[in-house]
Amino acid sequence: MHEMLSASDILASAIVAKISPTDDEITTRQAYALYGKGWIERNVEAGLLHRRRKGSAPNSPAMYSKHEILTLLQAERHVAEEAKRLIGNKVE
């Protein structure tokens, strides 16, 4: 589901987010389709991912930052790899 991300992918998404914030946004529907509803909601509830309304009206679409999602995915992968490394060292 999620492809491996490089440091250049993260840097490129940070540049896009800074230069053109609207190009960094994806809708809730897009986020669910790309990353799974469970993963998105779990990280919102944990305070690791943030929803932002596109407007001030209550029915304005909720948007997510692609950069924030990619950064969180990379952090999760790094933690998982480090945990495997540490567990592997204890088994030996």
C-alpha atoms as a PDB file:
ATOM      1  CA  MET A   1       0.000   0.000   0.000  1.00  0.00           C
ATOM      2  CA  HIS A   2       2.731   2.485   0.961  1.00  0.00           C
ATOM      3  CA  GLU A   3       5.851   2.711  -1.157  1.00  0.00           C
ATOM      4  CA  MET A   4       9.250   3.312   0.371  1.00  0.00           C
ATOM      5  CA  LEU A   5      10.047   6.976   0.783  1.00  0.00           C
ATOM      6  CA  SER A   6      13.445   8.560   0.456  1.00  0.00           C
ATOM      7  CA  ALA A   7      14.759  11.674   2.133  1.00  0.00           C
ATOM      8  CA  SER A   8      14.401  13.450  -1.216  1.00  0.00           C
ATOM      9  CA  ASP A   9      10.667  12.553  -1.299  1.00  0.00           C
ATOM     10  CA  ILE A  10      10.198  14.100   2.136  1.00  0.00           C
ATOM     11  CA  LEU A  11      12.217  17.177   1.179  1.00  0.00           C
ATOM     12  CA  ALA A  12      10.263  17.631  -2.058  1.00  0.00           C
ATOM     13  CA  SER A  13       6.944  17.404  -0.200  1.00  0.00           C
ATOM     14  CA  ALA A  14       8.176  19.980   2.341  1.00  0.00           C
ATOM     15  CA  ILE A  15       9.083  22.369  -0.473  1.00  0.00           C
ATOM     16  CA  VAL A  16       5.666  21.937  -2.114  1.00  0.00           C
ATOM     17  CA  ALA A  17       3.937  22.481   1.246  1.00  0.00           C
ATOM     18  CA  LYS A  18       5.893  25.701   1.792  1.00  0.00           C
ATOM     19  CA  ILE A  19       5.648  27.147  -1.726  1.00  0.00           C
ATOM     20  CA  SER A  20       2.088  26.113  -2.583  1.00  0.00           C
ATOM     21  CA  PRO A  21       0.111  24.946   0.444  1.00  0.00           C
ATOM     22  CA  THR A  22      -2.979  24.131  -1.632  1.00  0.00           C
ATOM     23  CA  ASP A  23      -0.952  21.647  -3.718  1.00  0.00           C
ATOM     24  CA  ASP A  24      -0.031  19.893  -0.469  1.00  0.00           C
ATOM     25  CA  GLU A  25      -3.663  19.305   0.533  1.00  0.00           C
ATOM     26  CA  ILE A  26      -5.724  16.168  -0.006  1.00  0.00           C
ATOM     27  CA  THR A  27      -9.324  15.568   0.971  1.00  0.00           C
ATOM     28  CA  THR A  28     -10.455  13.091   3.597  1.00  0.00           C
ATOM     29  CA  ARG A  29     -11.761  10.804   0.848  1.00  0.00           C
ATOM     30  CA  GLN A  30      -8.389  10.870  -0.931  1.00  0.00           C
ATOM     31  CA  ALA A  31      -6.510  10.268   2.330  1.00  0.00           C
ATOM     32  CA  TYR A  32      -8.717   7.286   3.188  1.00  0.00           C
ATOM     33  CA  ALA A  33      -8.297   5.838  -0.316  1.00  0.00           C
ATOM     34  CA  LEU A  34      -4.511   6.206  -0.292  1.00  0.00           C
ATOM     35  CA  TYR A  35      -3.633   5.346   3.302  1.00  0.00           C
ATOM     36  CA  GLY A  36      -6.680   3.610   4.767  1.00  0.00           C
ATOM     37  CA  LYS A  37      -9.383   5.051   6.989  1.00  0.00           C
ATOM     38  CA  GLY A  38      -8.115   3.211  10.056  1.00  0.00           C
ATOM     39  CA  TRP A  39      -4.563   4.527   9.731  1.00  0.00           C
ATOM     40  CA  ILE A  40      -5.731   8.123   9.180  1.00  0.00           C
ATOM     41  CA  GLU A  41      -8.240   8.094  12.052  1.00  0.00           C
ATOM     42  CA  ARG A  42      -5.840   6.356  14.457  1.00  0.00           C
ATOM     43  CA  ASN A  43      -3.195   9.023  13.849  1.00  0.00           C
ATOM     44  CA  VAL A  44      -5.698  11.894  14.107  1.00  0.00           C
ATOM     45  CA  GLU A  45      -6.898  10.538  17.461  1.00  0.00           C
ATOM     46  CA  ALA A  46      -3.286  10.178  18.630  1.00  0.00           C
ATOM     47  CA  GLY A  47      -2.640  13.818  17.696  1.00  0.00           C
ATOM     48  CA  LEU A  48      -0.006  12.862  15.118  1.00  0.00           C
ATOM     49  CA  LEU A  49      -2.035  13.957  12.092  1.00  0.00           C
ATOM     50  CA  HIS A  50      -4.151  17.083  11.788  1.00  0.00           C
ATOM     51  CA  ARG A  51      -7.365  17.773   9.889  1.00  0.00           C
ATOM     52  CA  ARG A  52      -7.924  21.314   8.654  1.00  0.00           C
ATOM     53  CA  ARG A  53     -11.145  22.729   7.289  1.00  0.00           C
ATOM     54  CA  LYS A  54     -10.794  24.360   3.880  1.00  0.00           C
ATOM     55  CA  GLY A  55     -13.247  27.093   4.883  1.00  0.00           C
ATOM     56  CA  SER A  56     -15.036  28.409   7.928  1.00  0.00           C
ATOM     57  CA  ALA A  57     -18.408  26.765   7.214  1.00  0.00           C
ATOM     58  CA  PRO A  58     -19.254  23.594   9.157  1.00  0.00           C
ATOM     59  CA  ASN A  59     -19.640  21.673   5.897  1.00  0.00           C
ATOM     60  CA  SER A  60     -16.263  22.785   4.494  1.00  0.00           C
ATOM     61  CA  PRO A  61     -14.180  19.811   3.403  1.00  0.00           C
ATOM     62  CA  ALA A  62     -11.624  18.476   5.874  1.00  0.00           C
ATOM     63  CA  MET A  63      -8.153  18.468   4.372  1.00  0.00           C
ATOM     64  CA  TYR A  64      -4.874  16.765   5.266  1.00  0.00           C
ATOM     65  CA  SER A  65      -1.300  17.727   4.460  1.00  0.00           C
ATOM     66  CA  LYS A  66       0.414  15.247   2.146  1.00  0.00           C
ATOM     67  CA  HIS A  67       3.748  16.295   3.653  1.00  0.00           C
ATOM     68  CA  GLU A  68       2.529  15.586   7.179  1.00  0.00           C
ATOM     69  CA  ILE A  69       1.294  12.138   6.096  1.00  0.00           C
ATOM     70  CA  LEU A  70       4.527  11.268   4.282  1.00  0.00           C
ATOM     71  CA  THR A  71       6.631  12.422   7.223  1.00  0.00           C
ATOM     72  CA  LEU A  72       4.557  10.323   9.629  1.00  0.00           C
ATOM     73  CA  LEU A  73       4.834   7.259   7.376  1.00  0.00           C
ATOM     74  CA  GLN A  74       8.607   7.666   7.232  1.00  0.00           C
ATOM     75  CA  ALA A  75       8.814   8.035  11.020  1.00  0.00           C
ATOM     76  CA  GLU A  76       6.724   4.876  11.520  1.00  0.00           C
ATOM     77  CA  ARG A  77       8.976   2.931   9.165  1.00  0.00           C
ATOM     78  CA  HIS A  78      12.087   4.165  10.913  1.00  0.00           C
ATOM     79  CA  VAL A  79      10.737   3.147  14.337  1.00  0.00           C
ATOM     80  CA  ALA A  80       9.705  -0.289  13.012  1.00  0.00           C
ATOM     81  CA  GLU A  81      13.138  -0.879  11.456  1.00  0.00           C
ATOM     82  CA  GLU A  82      14.883   0.195  14.659  1.00  0.00           C
ATOM     83  CA  ALA A  83      12.664  -2.083  16.749  1.00  0.00           C
ATOM     84  CA  LYS A  84      13.454  -5.040  14.473  1.00  0.00           C
ATOM     85  CA  ARG A  85      17.155  -4.268  14.729  1.00  0.00           C
ATOM     86  CA  LEU A  86      17.031  -4.099  18.520  1.00  0.00           C
ATOM     87  CA  ILE A  87      14.933  -7.248  18.849  1.00  0.00           C
ATOM     88  CA  GLY A  88      17.237  -9.063  16.428  1.00  0.00           C
ATOM     89  CA  ASN A  89      20.271  -8.144  18.543  1.00  0.00           C
ATOM     90  CA  LYS A  90      18.651  -9.555  21.717  1.00  0.00           C
ATOM     91  CA  VAL A  91      17.774 -12.857  20.058  1.00  0.00           C
ATOM     92  CA  GLU A  92      21.356 -13.631  19.079  1.00  0.00           C
END
